[in-house]
Amino acid sequence: MTVYIDPPTWPGHGRVWSHLISDVSYDELHVFASELGAPARAFERDHYDIPSHRYADAVAAGAVEVSSREVVRLLHGAGLRRRKRAA
């Protein structure tokens, strides 16, 4: 099982966030996130939003550190990218 996380650089709700993804399946991602203690509400389309204070926990649990560009590349390559729909 390999999941990936980008650096916490995405601002929102008074915090800075990382994206946690899988390049295999959403099931794999949900299992990892659950074991990490991430709430289901943190899942957004194709990734989990992980607050910066939990970044080290995700890496210690086995998430591989990659760039934000690499996150997008991995999602596209796996066919798991789900873009936001236009309003």
PDB file of N, CA and C in Angstrom:
ATOM      1  N   MET A   1       0.852  -1.180   0.000  1.00  0.00           N
ATOM      2  CA  MET A   1       0.000   0.000   0.000  1.00  0.00           C
ATOM      3  C   MET A   1       0.888   1.230   0.000  1.00  0.00           C
ATOM      4  N   THR A   2       0.696   2.101  -0.981  1.00  0.00           N
ATOM      5  CA  THR A   2       1.416   3.363  -1.015  1.00  0.00           C
ATOM      6  C   THR A   2       0.425   4.503  -1.153  1.00  0.00           C
ATOM      7  N   VAL A   3       0.529   5.432  -0.239  1.00  0.00           N
ATOM      8  CA  VAL A   3      -0.220   6.676  -0.354  1.00  0.00           C
ATOM      9  C   VAL A   3       0.802   7.810  -0.355  1.00  0.00           C
ATOM     10  N   TYR A   4       0.385   8.947  -0.844  1.00  0.00           N
ATOM     11  CA  TYR A   4       1.288  10.077  -1.030  1.00  0.00           C
ATOM     12  C   TYR A   4       0.704  11.314  -0.371  1.00  0.00           C
ATOM     13  N   ILE A   5       1.588  12.218   0.038  1.00  0.00           N
ATOM     14  CA  ILE A   5       1.158  13.468   0.658  1.00  0.00           C
ATOM     15  C   ILE A   5       2.044  14.603   0.151  1.00  0.00           C
ATOM     16  N   ASP A   6       1.417  15.733  -0.137  1.00  0.00           N
ATOM     17  CA  ASP A   6       2.198  16.903  -0.554  1.00  0.00           C
ATOM     18  C   ASP A   6       2.430  17.811   0.653  1.00  0.00           C
ATOM     19  N   PRO A   7       3.339  18.766   0.545  1.00  0.00           N
ATOM     20  CA  PRO A   7       3.646  19.650   1.673  1.00  0.00           C
ATOM     21  C   PRO A   7       2.414  20.474   2.074  1.00  0.00           C
ATOM     22  N   PRO A   8       2.307  20.805   3.336  1.00  0.00           N
ATOM     23  CA  PRO A   8       1.177  21.623   3.789  1.00  0.00           C
ATOM     24  C   PRO A   8       1.352  23.083   3.357  1.00  0.00           C
ATOM     25  N   THR A   9       0.797  23.396   2.195  1.00  0.00           N
ATOM     26  CA  THR A   9       0.922  24.760   1.657  1.00  0.00           C
ATOM     27  C   THR A   9      -0.417  25.350   1.244  1.00  0.00           C
ATOM     28  N   TRP A  10      -1.512  24.603   1.403  1.00  0.00           N
ATOM     29  CA  TRP A  10      -2.821  25.036   0.918  1.00  0.00           C
ATOM     30  C   TRP A  10      -3.622  25.661   2.052  1.00  0.00           C
ATOM     31  N   PRO A  11      -3.862  26.987   1.997  1.00  0.00           N
ATOM     32  CA  PRO A  11      -4.573  27.658   3.089  1.00  0.00           C
ATOM     33  C   PRO A  11      -6.085  27.419   3.027  1.00  0.00           C
ATOM     34  N   GLY A  12      -6.691  27.398   4.207  1.00  0.00           N
ATOM     35  CA  GLY A  12      -8.144  27.289   4.300  1.00  0.00           C
ATOM     36  C   GLY A  12      -8.584  27.158   5.737  1.00  0.00           C
ATOM     37  N   HIS A  13      -9.636  27.850   6.073  1.00  0.00           N
ATOM     38  CA  HIS A  13     -10.224  27.759   7.416  1.00  0.00           C
ATOM     39  C   HIS A  13      -9.211  28.073   8.525  1.00  0.00           C
ATOM     40  N   GLY A  14      -8.322  29.023   8.262  1.00  0.00           N
ATOM     41  CA  GLY A  14      -7.350  29.433   9.267  1.00  0.00           C
ATOM     42  C   GLY A  14      -6.213  28.454   9.487  1.00  0.00           C
ATOM     43  N   ARG A  15      -6.065  27.489   8.589  1.00  0.00           N
ATOM     44  CA  ARG A  15      -5.000  26.490   8.694  1.00  0.00           C
ATOM     45  C   ARG A  15      -4.299  26.350   7.347  1.00  0.00           C
ATOM     46  N   VAL A  16      -3.282  25.506   7.338  1.00  0.00           N
ATOM     47  CA  VAL A  16      -2.585  25.145   6.107  1.00  0.00           C
ATOM     48  C   VAL A  16      -2.714  23.632   5.969  1.00  0.00           C
ATOM     49  N   TRP A  17      -2.978  23.170   4.726  1.00  0.00           N
ATOM     50  CA  TRP A  17      -3.344  21.786   4.495  1.00  0.00           C
ATOM     51  C   TRP A  17      -2.440  21.089   3.480  1.00  0.00           C
ATOM     52  N   SER A  18      -2.402  19.762   3.592  1.00  0.00           N
ATOM     53  CA  SER A  18      -1.776  18.868   2.620  1.00  0.00           C
ATOM     54  C   SER A  18      -2.867  18.049   1.963  1.00  0.00           C
ATOM     55  N   HIS A  19      -2.508  17.422   0.838  1.00  0.00           N
ATOM     56  CA  HIS A  19      -3.406  16.495   0.161  1.00  0.00           C
ATOM     57  C   HIS A  19      -2.838  15.087   0.298  1.00  0.00           C
ATOM     58  N   LEU A  20      -3.673  14.170   0.748  1.00  0.00           N
ATOM     59  CA  LEU A  20      -3.298  12.769   0.898  1.00  0.00           C
ATOM     60  C   LEU A  20      -4.015  11.979  -0.197  1.00  0.00           C
ATOM     61  N   ILE A  21      -3.257  11.238  -1.004  1.00  0.00           N
ATOM     62  CA  ILE A  21      -3.849  10.526  -2.149  1.00  0.00           C
ATOM     63  C   ILE A  21      -3.318   9.098  -2.248  1.00  0.00           C
ATOM     64  N   SER A  22      -3.993   8.301  -3.061  1.00  0.00           N
ATOM     65  CA  SER A  22      -3.519   6.980  -3.454  1.00  0.00           C
ATOM     66  C   SER A  22      -3.394   6.973  -4.971  1.00  0.00           C
ATOM     67  N   ASP A  23      -2.469   6.181  -5.477  1.00  0.00           N
ATOM     68  CA  ASP A  23      -2.375   6.010  -6.928  1.00  0.00           C
ATOM     69  C   ASP A  23      -2.884   4.627  -7.328  1.00  0.00           C
ATOM     70  N   VAL A  24      -3.590   3.961  -6.388  1.00  0.00           N
ATOM     71  CA  VAL A  24      -4.116   2.628  -6.647  1.00  0.00           C
ATOM     72  C   VAL A  24      -5.643   2.622  -6.612  1.00  0.00           C
ATOM     73  N   SER A  25      -6.224   3.091  -5.482  1.00  0.00           N
ATOM     74  CA  SER A  25      -7.677   3.059  -5.352  1.00  0.00           C
ATOM     75  C   SER A  25      -8.130   3.974  -4.221  1.00  0.00           C
ATOM     76  N   TYR A  26      -9.392   4.347  -4.300  1.00  0.00           N
ATOM     77  CA  TYR A  26      -9.976   5.119  -3.202  1.00  0.00           C
ATOM     78  C   TYR A  26     -10.097   4.244  -1.957  1.00  0.00           C
ATOM     79  N   ASP A  27     -10.345   2.944  -2.141  1.00  0.00           N
ATOM     80  CA  ASP A  27     -10.436   2.042  -0.989  1.00  0.00           C
ATOM     81  C   ASP A  27      -9.141   2.062  -0.188  1.00  0.00           C
ATOM     82  N   GLU A  28      -8.010   1.971  -0.885  1.00  0.00           N
ATOM     83  CA  GLU A  28      -6.709   2.019  -0.218  1.00  0.00           C
ATOM     84  C   GLU A  28      -6.558   3.336   0.547  1.00  0.00           C
ATOM     85  N   LEU A  29      -6.956   4.426  -0.084  1.00  0.00           N
ATOM     86  CA  LEU A  29      -6.856   5.740   0.538  1.00  0.00           C
ATOM     87  C   LEU A  29      -7.736   5.823   1.784  1.00  0.00           C
ATOM     88  N   HIS A  30      -8.969   5.330   1.698  1.00  0.00           N
ATOM     89  CA  HIS A  30      -9.887   5.385   2.840  1.00  0.00           C
ATOM     90  C   HIS A  30      -9.365   4.562   4.021  1.00  0.00           C
ATOM     91  N   VAL A  31      -8.777   3.412   3.736  1.00  0.00           N
ATOM     92  CA  VAL A  31      -8.224   2.585   4.806  1.00  0.00           C
ATOM     93  C   VAL A  31      -7.085   3.321   5.502  1.00  0.00           C
ATOM     94  N   PHE A  32      -6.170   3.876   4.734  1.00  0.00           N
ATOM     95  CA  PHE A  32      -5.031   4.591   5.312  1.00  0.00           C
ATOM     96  C   PHE A  32      -5.520   5.781   6.136  1.00  0.00           C
ATOM     97  N   ALA A  33      -6.435   6.563   5.571  1.00  0.00           N
ATOM     98  CA  ALA A  33      -6.947   7.745   6.264  1.00  0.00           C
ATOM     99  C   ALA A  33      -7.652   7.362   7.558  1.00  0.00           C
ATOM    100  N   SER A  34      -8.403   6.281   7.525  1.00  0.00           N
ATOM    101  CA  SER A  34      -9.091   5.816   8.728  1.00  0.00           C
ATOM    102  C   SER A  34      -8.087   5.424   9.807  1.00  0.00           C
ATOM    103  N   GLU A  35      -7.049   4.688   9.420  1.00  0.00           N
ATOM    104  CA  GLU A  35      -6.008   4.287  10.372  1.00  0.00           C
ATOM    105  C   GLU A  35      -5.263   5.498  10.916  1.00  0.00           C
ATOM    106  N   LEU A  36      -5.173   6.541  10.120  1.00  0.00           N
ATOM    107  CA  LEU A  36      -4.526   7.785  10.545  1.00  0.00           C
ATOM    108  C   LEU A  36      -5.434   8.585  11.486  1.00  0.00           C
ATOM    109  N   GLY A  37      -6.732   8.297  11.440  1.00  0.00           N
ATOM    110  CA  GLY A  37      -7.690   9.019  12.270  1.00  0.00           C
ATOM    111  C   GLY A  37      -8.290  10.231  11.576  1.00  0.00           C
ATOM    112  N   ALA A  38      -8.145  10.305  10.255  1.00  0.00           N
ATOM    113  CA  ALA A  38      -8.730  11.419   9.501  1.00  0.00           C
ATOM    114  C   ALA A  38     -10.242  11.218   9.419  1.00  0.00           C
ATOM    115  N   PRO A  39     -11.014  12.254   9.681  1.00  0.00           N
ATOM    116  CA  PRO A  39     -12.474  12.108   9.598  1.00  0.00           C
ATOM    117  C   PRO A  39     -12.937  11.978   8.152  1.00  0.00           C
ATOM    118  N   ALA A  40     -14.056  11.294   7.952  1.00  0.00           N
ATOM    119  CA  ALA A  40     -14.602  11.107   6.607  1.00  0.00           C
ATOM    120  C   ALA A  40     -14.862  12.439   5.920  1.00  0.00           C
ATOM    121  N   ARG A  41     -15.214  13.459   6.682  1.00  0.00           N
ATOM    122  CA  ARG A  41     -15.503  14.772   6.090  1.00  0.00           C
ATOM    123  C   ARG A  41     -14.261  15.425   5.476  1.00  0.00           C
ATOM    124  N   ALA A  42     -13.070  14.886   5.760  1.00  0.00           N
ATOM    125  CA  ALA A  42     -11.828  15.419   5.193  1.00  0.00           C
ATOM    126  C   ALA A  42     -11.601  14.945   3.761  1.00  0.00           C
ATOM    127  N   PHE A  43     -12.442  13.997   3.291  1.00  0.00           N
ATOM    128  CA  PHE A  43     -12.308  13.498   1.925  1.00  0.00           C
ATOM    129  C   PHE A  43     -13.011  14.451   0.967  1.00  0.00           C
ATOM    130  N   GLU A  44     -12.279  14.871  -0.066  1.00  0.00           N
ATOM    131  CA  GLU A  44     -12.838  15.785  -1.065  1.00  0.00           C
ATOM    132  C   GLU A  44     -12.511  15.271  -2.466  1.00  0.00           C
ATOM    133  N   ARG A  45     -13.502  14.684  -3.122  1.00  0.00           N
ATOM    134  CA  ARG A  45     -13.424  14.184  -4.498  1.00  0.00           C
ATOM    135  C   ARG A  45     -12.404  13.071  -4.716  1.00  0.00           C
ATOM    136  N   ASP A  46     -11.119  13.355  -4.529  1.00  0.00           N
ATOM    137  CA  ASP A  46     -10.077  12.372  -4.835  1.00  0.00           C
ATOM    138  C   ASP A  46      -8.927  12.388  -3.841  1.00  0.00           C
ATOM    139  N   HIS A  47      -9.087  13.117  -2.751  1.00  0.00           N
ATOM    140  CA  HIS A  47      -8.009  13.239  -1.762  1.00  0.00           C
ATOM    141  C   HIS A  47      -8.585  13.561  -0.385  1.00  0.00           C
ATOM    142  N   TYR A  48      -7.750  13.384   0.617  1.00  0.00           N
ATOM    143  CA  TYR A  48      -8.071  13.848   1.966  1.00  0.00           C
ATOM    144  C   TYR A  48      -7.284  15.122   2.222  1.00  0.00           C
ATOM    145  N   ASP A  49      -7.921  16.086   2.855  1.00  0.00           N
ATOM    146  CA  ASP A  49      -7.235  17.281   3.320  1.00  0.00           C
ATOM    147  C   ASP A  49      -6.698  16.981   4.715  1.00  0.00           C
ATOM    148  N   ILE A  50      -5.405  17.125   4.872  1.00  0.00           N
ATOM    149  CA  ILE A  50      -4.727  16.825   6.139  1.00  0.00           C
ATOM    150  C   ILE A  50      -4.112  18.115   6.677  1.00  0.00           C
ATOM    151  N   PRO A  51      -4.482  18.528   7.906  1.00  0.00           N
ATOM    152  CA  PRO A  51      -3.921  19.764   8.449  1.00  0.00           C
ATOM    153  C   PRO A  51      -2.417  19.626   8.721  1.00  0.00           C
ATOM    154  N   SER A  52      -1.729  20.741   8.662  1.00  0.00           N
ATOM    155  CA  SER A  52      -0.268  20.726   8.786  1.00  0.00           C
ATOM    156  C   SER A  52       0.211  20.047  10.064  1.00  0.00           C
ATOM    157  N   HIS A  53      -0.543  20.168  11.145  1.00  0.00           N
ATOM    158  CA  HIS A  53      -0.089  19.555  12.400  1.00  0.00           C
ATOM    159  C   HIS A  53      -0.178  18.027  12.372  1.00  0.00           C
ATOM    160  N   ARG A  54      -0.811  17.438  11.344  1.00  0.00           N
ATOM    161  CA  ARG A  54      -0.898  15.978  11.205  1.00  0.00           C
ATOM    162  C   ARG A  54       0.015  15.443  10.090  1.00  0.00           C
ATOM    163  N   TYR A  55       0.718  16.348   9.416  1.00  0.00           N
ATOM    164  CA  TYR A  55       1.602  15.958   8.306  1.00  0.00           C
ATOM    165  C   TYR A  55       2.631  14.914   8.753  1.00  0.00           C
ATOM    166  N   ALA A  56       3.333  15.184   9.827  1.00  0.00           N
ATOM    167  CA  ALA A  56       4.368  14.260  10.312  1.00  0.00           C
ATOM    168  C   ALA A  56       3.760  12.915  10.687  1.00  0.00           C
ATOM    169  N   ASP A  57       2.540  12.918  11.226  1.00  0.00           N
ATOM    170  CA  ASP A  57       1.862  11.665  11.567  1.00  0.00           C
ATOM    171  C   ASP A  57       1.613  10.833  10.314  1.00  0.00           C
ATOM    172  N   ALA A  58       1.176  11.487   9.235  1.00  0.00           N
ATOM    173  CA  ALA A  58       0.914  10.779   7.982  1.00  0.00           C
ATOM    174  C   ALA A  58       2.200  10.171   7.420  1.00  0.00           C
ATOM    175  N   VAL A  59       3.279  10.930   7.468  1.00  0.00           N
ATOM    176  CA  VAL A  59       4.568  10.434   6.969  1.00  0.00           C
ATOM    177  C   VAL A  59       5.050   9.277   7.843  1.00  0.00           C
ATOM    178  N   ALA A  60       4.918   9.409   9.152  1.00  0.00           N
ATOM    179  CA  ALA A  60       5.334   8.336  10.057  1.00  0.00           C
ATOM    180  C   ALA A  60       4.513   7.061   9.828  1.00  0.00           C
ATOM    181  N   ALA A  61       3.261   7.228   9.403  1.00  0.00           N
ATOM    182  CA  ALA A  61       2.386   6.081   9.133  1.00  0.00           C
ATOM    183  C   ALA A  61       2.669   5.454   7.771  1.00  0.00           C
ATOM    184  N   GLY A  62       3.528   6.089   6.964  1.00  0.00           N
ATOM    185  CA  GLY A  62       3.924   5.493   5.698  1.00  0.00           C
ATOM    186  C   GLY A  62       3.617   6.291   4.447  1.00  0.00           C
ATOM    187  N   ALA A  63       3.007   7.459   4.577  1.00  0.00           N
ATOM    188  CA  ALA A  63       2.744   8.287   3.392  1.00  0.00           C
ATOM    189  C   ALA A  63       4.073   8.779   2.818  1.00  0.00           C
ATOM    190  N   VAL A  64       4.174   8.732   1.515  1.00  0.00           N
ATOM    191  CA  VAL A  64       5.385   9.159   0.815  1.00  0.00           C
ATOM    192  C   VAL A  64       5.263  10.643   0.472  1.00  0.00           C
ATOM    193  N   GLU A  65       6.279  11.408   0.826  1.00  0.00           N
ATOM    194  CA  GLU A  65       6.280  12.844   0.571  1.00  0.00           C
ATOM    195  C   GLU A  65       6.597  13.112  -0.904  1.00  0.00           C
ATOM    196  N   VAL A  66       5.697  13.876  -1.549  1.00  0.00           N
ATOM    197  CA  VAL A  66       5.886  14.265  -2.952  1.00  0.00           C
ATOM    198  C   VAL A  66       5.445  15.713  -3.110  1.00  0.00           C
ATOM    199  N   SER A  67       5.777  16.303  -4.235  1.00  0.00           N
ATOM    200  CA  SER A  67       5.357  17.673  -4.513  1.00  0.00           C
ATOM    201  C   SER A  67       3.868  17.711  -4.877  1.00  0.00           C
ATOM    202  N   SER A  68       3.303  18.903  -4.855  1.00  0.00           N
ATOM    203  CA  SER A  68       1.902  19.066  -5.245  1.00  0.00           C
ATOM    204  C   SER A  68       1.696  18.693  -6.705  1.00  0.00           C
ATOM    205  N   ARG A  69       2.654  19.016  -7.546  1.00  0.00           N
ATOM    206  CA  ARG A  69       2.561  18.629  -8.960  1.00  0.00           C
ATOM    207  C   ARG A  69       2.563  17.115  -9.117  1.00  0.00           C
ATOM    208  N   GLU A  70       3.361  16.459  -8.300  1.00  0.00           N
ATOM    209  CA  GLU A  70       3.427  14.998  -8.358  1.00  0.00           C
ATOM    210  C   GLU A  70       2.100  14.380  -7.915  1.00  0.00           C
ATOM    211  N   VAL A  71       1.433  14.971  -6.949  1.00  0.00           N
ATOM    212  CA  VAL A  71       0.115  14.491  -6.523  1.00  0.00           C
ATOM    213  C   VAL A  71      -0.840  14.472  -7.715  1.00  0.00           C
ATOM    214  N   VAL A  72      -0.885  15.561  -8.442  1.00  0.00           N
ATOM    215  CA  VAL A  72      -1.782  15.657  -9.599  1.00  0.00           C
ATOM    216  C   VAL A  72      -1.372  14.647 -10.669  1.00  0.00           C
ATOM    217  N   ARG A  73      -0.076  14.526 -10.926  1.00  0.00           N
ATOM    218  CA  ARG A  73       0.413  13.579 -11.925  1.00  0.00           C
ATOM    219  C   ARG A  73       0.038  12.148 -11.552  1.00  0.00           C
ATOM    220  N   LEU A  74       0.210  11.798 -10.296  1.00  0.00           N
ATOM    221  CA  LEU A  74      -0.116  10.447  -9.832  1.00  0.00           C
ATOM    222  C   LEU A  74      -1.613  10.162  -9.958  1.00  0.00           C
ATOM    223  N   LEU A  75      -2.442  11.129  -9.582  1.00  0.00           N
ATOM    224  CA  LEU A  75      -3.895  10.945  -9.696  1.00  0.00           C
ATOM    225  C   LEU A  75      -4.314  10.754 -11.149  1.00  0.00           C
ATOM    226  N   HIS A  76      -3.779  11.586 -12.035  1.00  0.00           N
ATOM    227  CA  HIS A  76      -4.098  11.451 -13.466  1.00  0.00           C
ATOM    228  C   HIS A  76      -3.632  10.097 -13.998  1.00  0.00           C
ATOM    229  N   GLY A  77      -2.421   9.714 -13.659  1.00  0.00           N
ATOM    230  CA  GLY A  77      -1.865   8.454 -14.142  1.00  0.00           C
ATOM    231  C   GLY A  77      -2.655   7.239 -13.695  1.00  0.00           C
ATOM    232  N   ALA A  78      -3.249   7.326 -12.521  1.00  0.00           N
ATOM    233  CA  ALA A  78      -4.041   6.217 -11.986  1.00  0.00           C
ATOM    234  C   ALA A  78      -5.501   6.272 -12.435  1.00  0.00           C
ATOM    235  N   GLY A  79      -5.872   7.367 -13.110  1.00  0.00           N
ATOM    236  CA  GLY A  79      -7.266   7.534 -13.510  1.00  0.00           C
ATOM    237  C   GLY A  79      -8.181   7.865 -12.349  1.00  0.00           C
ATOM    238  N   LEU A  80      -7.615   8.402 -11.272  1.00  0.00           N
ATOM    239  CA  LEU A  80      -8.391   8.705 -10.065  1.00  0.00           C
ATOM    240  C   LEU A  80      -8.666  10.194  -9.867  1.00  0.00           C
ATOM    241  N   ARG A  81      -8.219  11.035 -10.775  1.00  0.00           N
ATOM    242  CA  ARG A  81      -8.419  12.485 -10.630  1.00  0.00           C
ATOM    243  C   ARG A  81      -9.881  12.830 -10.862  1.00  0.00           C
ATOM    244  N   ARG A  82     -10.467  13.531  -9.906  1.00  0.00           N
ATOM    245  CA  ARG A  82     -11.833  14.036 -10.025  1.00  0.00           C
ATOM    246  C   ARG A  82     -11.783  15.552  -9.870  1.00  0.00           C
ATOM    247  N   ARG A  83     -11.996  16.246 -10.961  1.00  0.00           N
ATOM    248  CA  ARG A  83     -11.925  17.706 -10.946  1.00  0.00           C
ATOM    249  C   ARG A  83     -13.199  18.303 -10.367  1.00  0.00           C
ATOM    250  N   LYS A  84     -13.091  19.522  -9.850  1.00  0.00           N
ATOM    251  CA  LYS A  84     -14.267  20.263  -9.409  1.00  0.00           C
ATOM    252  C   LYS A  84     -15.146  20.539 -10.602  1.00  0.00           C
ATOM    253  N   ARG A  85     -16.426  20.449 -10.406  1.00  0.00           N
ATOM    254  CA  ARG A  85     -17.362  20.770 -11.486  1.00  0.00           C
ATOM    255  C   ARG A  85     -17.612  22.264 -11.504  1.00  0.00           C
ATOM    256  N   ALA A  86     -17.847  22.801 -12.689  1.00  0.00           N
ATOM    257  CA  ALA A  86     -18.144  24.220 -12.836  1.00  0.00           C
ATOM    258  C   ALA A  86     -19.474  24.533 -12.162  1.00  0.00           C
ATOM    259  N   ALA A  87     -19.552  25.697 -11.580  1.00  0.00           N
ATOM    260  CA  ALA A  87     -20.772  26.088 -10.857  1.00  0.00           C
ATOM    261  C   ALA A  87     -21.909  26.407 -11.790  1.00  0.00           C
TER     262      ALA A  87
END
